[in-house]
């Protein structure tokens, strides 16, 4: 029974992150305030979807991440892009908001960045033992 619950628990961060993205994209245009820095909204998209990609990567089981890393990488990016497209579509119905192809590109860039870094570092992560240990080792350098 415990084995079947583990995959569902790994999906909780994905669902929470998607829920936060949906909540933020549902806010009317005049209620969100980002710093008046050119391109800041694209940086925000990149960062949020980079985080979403990390949660999706962690939702895959160790077996899938180790035996099919390329499939996991591409599926992660695809899921993020599809969610980004659906989010932009949803946003087009929110007063004061509009959809943007460039927002989807920023979403894709964030997902690709996280996935590529994971793909590059996955053997080191496996050798060290956990994401937390790998992150600590990365910061120690």
C-alpha atoms as a PDB file:
ATOM      1  CA  UNK A   1       0.000   0.000   0.000  1.00  0.00           C
ATOM      2  CA  UNK A   2       2.816   2.398   0.862  1.00  0.00           C
ATOM      3  CA  UNK A   3       4.452   1.800  -2.533  1.00  0.00           C
ATOM      4  CA  UNK A   4       1.322   2.966  -4.380  1.00  0.00           C
ATOM      5  CA  UNK A   5       1.073   6.143  -2.304  1.00  0.00           C
ATOM      6  CA  UNK A   6       4.617   7.279  -3.102  1.00  0.00           C
ATOM      7  CA  UNK A   7       3.931   8.303  -6.741  1.00  0.00           C
ATOM      8  CA  UNK A   8       0.883  10.283  -5.631  1.00  0.00           C
ATOM      9  CA  UNK A   9       2.900  12.113  -2.976  1.00  0.00           C
ATOM     10  CA  UNK A  10       5.488  13.025  -5.603  1.00  0.00           C
ATOM     11  CA  UNK A  11       2.704  14.668  -7.630  1.00  0.00           C
ATOM     12  CA  UNK A  12       1.688  17.041  -4.810  1.00  0.00           C
ATOM     13  CA  UNK A  13       4.412  19.653  -5.551  1.00  0.00           C
ATOM     14  CA  UNK A  14       3.475  19.561  -9.255  1.00  0.00           C
ATOM     15  CA  UNK A  15      -0.209  20.152  -8.475  1.00  0.00           C
ATOM     16  CA  UNK A  16       0.562  22.932  -5.978  1.00  0.00           C
ATOM     17  CA  UNK A  17       2.890  24.691  -8.433  1.00  0.00           C
ATOM     18  CA  UNK A  18       0.330  24.433 -11.229  1.00  0.00           C
ATOM     19  CA  UNK A  19      -2.341  25.751  -8.868  1.00  0.00           C
ATOM     20  CA  UNK A  20      -0.202  28.769  -7.959  1.00  0.00           C
ATOM     21  CA  UNK A  21       0.455  29.479 -11.644  1.00  0.00           C
ATOM     22  CA  UNK A  22      -3.272  29.245 -12.380  1.00  0.00           C
ATOM     23  CA  UNK A  23      -4.108  31.534  -9.443  1.00  0.00           C
ATOM     24  CA  UNK A  24      -1.560  34.150 -10.525  1.00  0.00           C
ATOM     25  CA  UNK A  25      -2.664  34.066 -14.158  1.00  0.00           C
ATOM     26  CA  UNK A  26      -6.284  34.513 -13.081  1.00  0.00           C
ATOM     27  CA  UNK A  27      -5.540  37.857 -11.409  1.00  0.00           C
ATOM     28  CA  UNK A  28      -6.758  40.920 -13.348  1.00  0.00           C
ATOM     29  CA  UNK A  29      -4.013  42.834 -15.128  1.00  0.00           C
ATOM     30  CA  UNK A  30      -4.038  45.810 -12.769  1.00  0.00           C
ATOM     31  CA  UNK A  31      -3.688  43.680  -9.618  1.00  0.00           C
ATOM     32  CA  UNK A  32      -0.217  42.274 -10.387  1.00  0.00           C
ATOM     33  CA  UNK A  33       2.738  44.518  -9.829  1.00  0.00           C
ATOM     34  CA  UNK A  34       6.150  43.572 -11.131  1.00  0.00           C
ATOM     35  CA  UNK A  35       9.153  45.899 -10.971  1.00  0.00           C
ATOM     36  CA  UNK A  36       9.310  48.310 -13.903  1.00  0.00           C
ATOM     37  CA  UNK A  37      12.285  46.502 -15.428  1.00  0.00           C
ATOM     38  CA  UNK A  38      12.032  45.693 -19.139  1.00  0.00           C
ATOM     39  CA  UNK A  39      11.488  41.980 -19.634  1.00  0.00           C
ATOM     40  CA  UNK A  40      10.818  41.286 -15.960  1.00  0.00           C
ATOM     41  CA  UNK A  41       7.621  39.404 -16.802  1.00  0.00           C
ATOM     42  CA  UNK A  42       9.624  37.062 -19.045  1.00  0.00           C
ATOM     43  CA  UNK A  43      12.149  36.467 -16.259  1.00  0.00           C
ATOM     44  CA  UNK A  44       9.240  35.651 -13.932  1.00  0.00           C
ATOM     45  CA  UNK A  45       7.829  33.185 -16.489  1.00  0.00           C
ATOM     46  CA  UNK A  46      11.248  31.575 -16.926  1.00  0.00           C
ATOM     47  CA  UNK A  47      11.749  31.197 -13.158  1.00  0.00           C
ATOM     48  CA  UNK A  48       8.272  29.833 -12.421  1.00  0.00           C
ATOM     49  CA  UNK A  49       8.392  27.285 -15.231  1.00  0.00           C
ATOM     50  CA  UNK A  50      11.939  26.293 -14.280  1.00  0.00           C
ATOM     51  CA  UNK A  51      10.538  25.487 -10.834  1.00  0.00           C
ATOM     52  CA  UNK A  52       7.574  23.635 -12.370  1.00  0.00           C
ATOM     53  CA  UNK A  53      10.013  21.527 -14.405  1.00  0.00           C
ATOM     54  CA  UNK A  54      11.935  20.673 -11.226  1.00  0.00           C
ATOM     55  CA  UNK A  55       8.749  19.484  -9.539  1.00  0.00           C
ATOM     56  CA  UNK A  56       7.864  17.371 -12.583  1.00  0.00           C
ATOM     57  CA  UNK A  57      11.357  15.852 -12.692  1.00  0.00           C
ATOM     58  CA  UNK A  58      11.061  14.915  -9.028  1.00  0.00           C
ATOM     59  CA  UNK A  59       7.617  13.404  -9.661  1.00  0.00           C
ATOM     60  CA  UNK A  60       9.170  10.793 -11.936  1.00  0.00           C
ATOM     61  CA  UNK A  61      10.342   7.728 -10.080  1.00  0.00           C
ATOM     62  CA  UNK A  62      14.035   7.011  -9.686  1.00  0.00           C
ATOM     63  CA  UNK A  63      13.719   4.082 -12.053  1.00  0.00           C
ATOM     64  CA  UNK A  64      12.321   6.229 -14.850  1.00  0.00           C
ATOM     65  CA  UNK A  65      14.864   8.985 -14.302  1.00  0.00           C
ATOM     66  CA  UNK A  66      17.748   6.481 -14.424  1.00  0.00           C
ATOM     67  CA  UNK A  67      16.587   4.158 -17.191  1.00  0.00           C
ATOM     68  CA  UNK A  68      14.991   6.718 -19.542  1.00  0.00           C
ATOM     69  CA  UNK A  69      16.643  10.074 -18.855  1.00  0.00           C
ATOM     70  CA  UNK A  70      16.111  11.501 -22.348  1.00  0.00           C
ATOM     71  CA  UNK A  71      12.435  10.555 -22.328  1.00  0.00           C
ATOM     72  CA  UNK A  72      12.031  12.118 -18.889  1.00  0.00           C
ATOM     73  CA  UNK A  73      13.773  15.292 -20.092  1.00  0.00           C
ATOM     74  CA  UNK A  74      11.589  15.701 -23.185  1.00  0.00           C
ATOM     75  CA  UNK A  75       8.381  14.758 -21.411  1.00  0.00           C
ATOM     76  CA  UNK A  76       9.111  17.294 -18.678  1.00  0.00           C
ATOM     77  CA  UNK A  77       9.657  20.081 -21.210  1.00  0.00           C
ATOM     78  CA  UNK A  78       6.573  19.020 -23.182  1.00  0.00           C
ATOM     79  CA  UNK A  79       4.345  19.014 -20.082  1.00  0.00           C
ATOM     80  CA  UNK A  80       5.602  22.464 -19.077  1.00  0.00           C
ATOM     81  CA  UNK A  81       5.065  23.892 -22.561  1.00  0.00           C
ATOM     82  CA  UNK A  82       1.573  22.412 -22.802  1.00  0.00           C
ATOM     83  CA  UNK A  83       0.700  23.847 -19.405  1.00  0.00           C
ATOM     84  CA  UNK A  84       2.171  27.195 -20.491  1.00  0.00           C
ATOM     85  CA  UNK A  85       0.038  27.206 -23.654  1.00  0.00           C
ATOM     86  CA  UNK A  86      -3.091  26.338 -21.669  1.00  0.00           C
ATOM     87  CA  UNK A  87      -2.211  29.016 -19.123  1.00  0.00           C
ATOM     88  CA  UNK A  88      -1.853  31.656 -21.836  1.00  0.00           C
ATOM     89  CA  UNK A  89      -5.181  30.579 -23.316  1.00  0.00           C
ATOM     90  CA  UNK A  90      -6.811  30.872 -19.878  1.00  0.00           C
ATOM     91  CA  UNK A  91      -5.160  34.257 -19.344  1.00  0.00           C
ATOM     92  CA  UNK A  92      -6.700  35.580 -22.567  1.00  0.00           C
ATOM     93  CA  UNK A  93     -10.103  35.497 -20.828  1.00  0.00           C
ATOM     94  CA  UNK A  94      -8.960  37.413 -17.741  1.00  0.00           C
ATOM     95  CA  UNK A  95      -9.774  41.168 -17.725  1.00  0.00           C
ATOM     96  CA  UNK A  96      -6.681  43.301 -18.287  1.00  0.00           C
ATOM     97  CA  UNK A  97      -4.563  40.307 -19.326  1.00  0.00           C
ATOM     98  CA  UNK A  98      -3.588  38.971 -22.712  1.00  0.00           C
ATOM     99  CA  UNK A  99      -1.858  35.896 -24.011  1.00  0.00           C
ATOM    100  CA  UNK A 100       1.612  36.117 -25.484  1.00  0.00           C
ATOM    101  CA  UNK A 101       3.645  33.751 -27.613  1.00  0.00           C
ATOM    102  CA  UNK A 102       6.762  35.221 -25.983  1.00  0.00           C
ATOM    103  CA  UNK A 103       5.488  34.203 -22.555  1.00  0.00           C
ATOM    104  CA  UNK A 104       5.242  30.627 -23.833  1.00  0.00           C
ATOM    105  CA  UNK A 105       8.803  30.909 -25.156  1.00  0.00           C
ATOM    106  CA  UNK A 106       9.951  32.062 -21.705  1.00  0.00           C
ATOM    107  CA  UNK A 107       8.053  29.142 -20.141  1.00  0.00           C
ATOM    108  CA  UNK A 108       9.774  26.765 -22.549  1.00  0.00           C
ATOM    109  CA  UNK A 109      13.171  28.316 -21.797  1.00  0.00           C
ATOM    110  CA  UNK A 110      12.691  27.857 -18.047  1.00  0.00           C
ATOM    111  CA  UNK A 111      11.604  24.232 -18.424  1.00  0.00           C
ATOM    112  CA  UNK A 112      14.436  23.503 -20.844  1.00  0.00           C
ATOM    113  CA  UNK A 113      17.017  25.136 -18.578  1.00  0.00           C
ATOM    114  CA  UNK A 114      16.029  23.081 -15.542  1.00  0.00           C
ATOM    115  CA  UNK A 115      15.727  19.877 -17.559  1.00  0.00           C
ATOM    116  CA  UNK A 116      19.085  20.399 -19.264  1.00  0.00           C
ATOM    117  CA  UNK A 117      20.806  21.114 -15.951  1.00  0.00           C
ATOM    118  CA  UNK A 118      19.245  17.988 -14.464  1.00  0.00           C
ATOM    119  CA  UNK A 119      20.316  15.923 -17.489  1.00  0.00           C
ATOM    120  CA  UNK A 120      23.854  17.283 -17.213  1.00  0.00           C
ATOM    121  CA  UNK A 121      24.073  16.708 -13.468  1.00  0.00           C
ATOM    122  CA  UNK A 122      21.992  13.511 -13.126  1.00  0.00           C
ATOM    123  CA  UNK A 123      24.955  11.137 -12.810  1.00  0.00           C
ATOM    124  CA  UNK A 124      26.531  13.321 -10.171  1.00  0.00           C
ATOM    125  CA  UNK A 125      23.211  13.555  -8.327  1.00  0.00           C
ATOM    126  CA  UNK A 126      22.916   9.755  -8.378  1.00  0.00           C
ATOM    127  CA  UNK A 127      26.503   9.336  -7.152  1.00  0.00           C
ATOM    128  CA  UNK A 128      26.035  11.804  -4.286  1.00  0.00           C
ATOM    129  CA  UNK A 129      22.757  10.231  -3.252  1.00  0.00           C
ATOM    130  CA  UNK A 130      20.063  12.904  -3.185  1.00  0.00           C
ATOM    131  CA  UNK A 131      19.066  16.283  -4.586  1.00  0.00           C
ATOM    132  CA  UNK A 132      19.646  17.899  -1.196  1.00  0.00           C
ATOM    133  CA  UNK A 133      23.159  16.448  -0.946  1.00  0.00           C
ATOM    134  CA  UNK A 134      23.928  17.499  -4.515  1.00  0.00           C
ATOM    135  CA  UNK A 135      22.702  21.031  -3.867  1.00  0.00           C
ATOM    136  CA  UNK A 136      24.829  21.228  -0.708  1.00  0.00           C
ATOM    137  CA  UNK A 137      27.846  19.942  -2.606  1.00  0.00           C
ATOM    138  CA  UNK A 138      27.233  22.482  -5.374  1.00  0.00           C
ATOM    139  CA  UNK A 139      27.065  25.353  -2.871  1.00  0.00           C
ATOM    140  CA  UNK A 140      30.188  24.143  -1.059  1.00  0.00           C
ATOM    141  CA  UNK A 141      32.329  24.729  -4.162  1.00  0.00           C
END
